[in-house]
């Protein structure tokens, strides 16, 4: 799993985002949100600081999920990391 977390972090860093980011925290946020959700496409938001939030675009299947993209909204920019 550590490689998976690092891949998330690397993809986000490639956007130019320099704030704190944890692939493990992102994965855990998503897992918490998708619990008991029907299969389908979802957008989840996670507030990280007073002025920064992460927006996750996710496809949920019967027994797994796909993280399609993460948009990081800061006061000065929106950073987009595409995972598809």
C-alpha atoms as a PDB file:
ATOM      1  CA  UNK A   1       0.000   0.000   0.000  1.00  0.00           C
ATOM      2  CA  UNK A   2       2.896   2.354   0.658  1.00  0.00           C
ATOM      3  CA  UNK A   3       3.655   2.485  -3.080  1.00  0.00           C
ATOM      4  CA  UNK A   4       0.028   3.402  -3.741  1.00  0.00           C
ATOM      5  CA  UNK A   5       0.154   6.233  -1.191  1.00  0.00           C
ATOM      6  CA  UNK A   6       3.409   7.520  -2.679  1.00  0.00           C
ATOM      7  CA  UNK A   7       1.925   7.439  -6.194  1.00  0.00           C
ATOM      8  CA  UNK A   8      -0.961   9.650  -5.035  1.00  0.00           C
ATOM      9  CA  UNK A   9       1.449  12.085  -3.390  1.00  0.00           C
ATOM     10  CA  UNK A  10       3.730  12.172  -6.443  1.00  0.00           C
ATOM     11  CA  UNK A  11       0.871  12.851  -8.847  1.00  0.00           C
ATOM     12  CA  UNK A  12      -0.328  15.719  -6.645  1.00  0.00           C
ATOM     13  CA  UNK A  13       3.187  17.176  -6.348  1.00  0.00           C
ATOM     14  CA  UNK A  14       3.420  17.151 -10.164  1.00  0.00           C
ATOM     15  CA  UNK A  15       0.595  19.735 -10.218  1.00  0.00           C
ATOM     16  CA  UNK A  16       2.805  22.268  -8.430  1.00  0.00           C
ATOM     17  CA  UNK A  17       0.947  22.025  -5.141  1.00  0.00           C
ATOM     18  CA  UNK A  18       3.443  22.605  -2.331  1.00  0.00           C
ATOM     19  CA  UNK A  19       1.232  22.195   0.723  1.00  0.00           C
ATOM     20  CA  UNK A  20       1.133  19.165   2.980  1.00  0.00           C
ATOM     21  CA  UNK A  21      -0.258  16.018   1.375  1.00  0.00           C
ATOM     22  CA  UNK A  22      -0.520  12.422   2.554  1.00  0.00           C
ATOM     23  CA  UNK A  23      -1.534   9.628   0.204  1.00  0.00           C
ATOM     24  CA  UNK A  24      -2.543   7.534   3.196  1.00  0.00           C
ATOM     25  CA  UNK A  25      -4.791  10.304   4.562  1.00  0.00           C
ATOM     26  CA  UNK A  26      -6.403  10.748   1.138  1.00  0.00           C
ATOM     27  CA  UNK A  27      -7.043   7.011   0.842  1.00  0.00           C
ATOM     28  CA  UNK A  28      -8.525   6.915   4.359  1.00  0.00           C
ATOM     29  CA  UNK A  29     -10.729   9.976   3.656  1.00  0.00           C
ATOM     30  CA  UNK A  30     -12.097   8.254   0.569  1.00  0.00           C
ATOM     31  CA  UNK A  31     -12.679   4.935   2.352  1.00  0.00           C
ATOM     32  CA  UNK A  32     -14.576   6.729   5.137  1.00  0.00           C
ATOM     33  CA  UNK A  33     -16.781   8.545   2.615  1.00  0.00           C
ATOM     34  CA  UNK A  34     -17.619   5.585   0.370  1.00  0.00           C
ATOM     35  CA  UNK A  35     -18.730   3.329   3.192  1.00  0.00           C
ATOM     36  CA  UNK A  36     -22.349   2.264   2.482  1.00  0.00           C
ATOM     37  CA  UNK A  37     -22.552   4.215  -0.816  1.00  0.00           C
ATOM     38  CA  UNK A  38     -24.274   2.796  -3.877  1.00  0.00           C
ATOM     39  CA  UNK A  39     -22.139   2.137  -6.968  1.00  0.00           C
ATOM     40  CA  UNK A  40     -21.810   5.257  -9.102  1.00  0.00           C
ATOM     41  CA  UNK A  41     -19.852   8.460  -9.638  1.00  0.00           C
ATOM     42  CA  UNK A  42     -19.303  10.766  -6.670  1.00  0.00           C
ATOM     43  CA  UNK A  43     -17.538  13.964  -5.703  1.00  0.00           C
ATOM     44  CA  UNK A  44     -16.367  14.241  -2.110  1.00  0.00           C
ATOM     45  CA  UNK A  45     -14.784  17.255  -0.454  1.00  0.00           C
ATOM     46  CA  UNK A  46     -12.409  17.283   2.475  1.00  0.00           C
ATOM     47  CA  UNK A  47     -11.470  20.509   4.235  1.00  0.00           C
ATOM     48  CA  UNK A  48      -7.761  20.437   5.080  1.00  0.00           C
ATOM     49  CA  UNK A  49      -7.229  23.936   6.497  1.00  0.00           C
ATOM     50  CA  UNK A  50      -9.360  27.054   6.925  1.00  0.00           C
ATOM     51  CA  UNK A  51      -8.699  28.032   3.316  1.00  0.00           C
ATOM     52  CA  UNK A  52      -7.797  24.765   1.537  1.00  0.00           C
ATOM     53  CA  UNK A  53      -9.968  21.825   0.574  1.00  0.00           C
ATOM     54  CA  UNK A  54      -9.520  18.699  -1.530  1.00  0.00           C
ATOM     55  CA  UNK A  55     -12.200  17.601  -3.991  1.00  0.00           C
ATOM     56  CA  UNK A  56     -12.116  13.896  -4.894  1.00  0.00           C
ATOM     57  CA  UNK A  57     -13.785  12.557  -8.041  1.00  0.00           C
ATOM     58  CA  UNK A  58     -14.487   8.862  -7.477  1.00  0.00           C
ATOM     59  CA  UNK A  59     -16.189   5.998  -9.253  1.00  0.00           C
ATOM     60  CA  UNK A  60     -17.556   3.387  -6.837  1.00  0.00           C
ATOM     61  CA  UNK A  61     -18.067  -0.206  -7.961  1.00  0.00           C
ATOM     62  CA  UNK A  62     -19.471  -3.202  -6.071  1.00  0.00           C
ATOM     63  CA  UNK A  63     -16.182  -4.174  -4.422  1.00  0.00           C
ATOM     64  CA  UNK A  64     -13.714  -1.394  -5.242  1.00  0.00           C
ATOM     65  CA  UNK A  65     -13.364   2.269  -6.183  1.00  0.00           C
ATOM     66  CA  UNK A  66     -11.444   4.331  -8.721  1.00  0.00           C
ATOM     67  CA  UNK A  67      -9.971   7.696  -7.818  1.00  0.00           C
ATOM     68  CA  UNK A  68     -10.351   9.648 -11.075  1.00  0.00           C
ATOM     69  CA  UNK A  69      -9.025  13.043  -9.992  1.00  0.00           C
ATOM     70  CA  UNK A  70      -8.212  15.320  -7.102  1.00  0.00           C
ATOM     71  CA  UNK A  71      -8.683  19.084  -7.249  1.00  0.00           C
ATOM     72  CA  UNK A  72      -6.967  21.045  -4.498  1.00  0.00           C
ATOM     73  CA  UNK A  73      -8.587  24.425  -3.914  1.00  0.00           C
ATOM     74  CA  UNK A  74      -6.421  27.084  -2.270  1.00  0.00           C
ATOM     75  CA  UNK A  75      -7.064  30.829  -1.997  1.00  0.00           C
ATOM     76  CA  UNK A  76      -4.757  31.511  -4.946  1.00  0.00           C
ATOM     77  CA  UNK A  77      -5.130  28.462  -7.217  1.00  0.00           C
ATOM     78  CA  UNK A  78      -6.837  25.182  -8.049  1.00  0.00           C
ATOM     79  CA  UNK A  79      -4.453  22.266  -8.604  1.00  0.00           C
ATOM     80  CA  UNK A  80      -5.748  19.350 -10.668  1.00  0.00           C
ATOM     81  CA  UNK A  81      -4.289  15.839 -10.442  1.00  0.00           C
ATOM     82  CA  UNK A  82      -5.728  13.346 -12.923  1.00  0.00           C
ATOM     83  CA  UNK A  83      -5.426   9.659 -12.002  1.00  0.00           C
ATOM     84  CA  UNK A  84      -7.101   8.099 -15.042  1.00  0.00           C
END
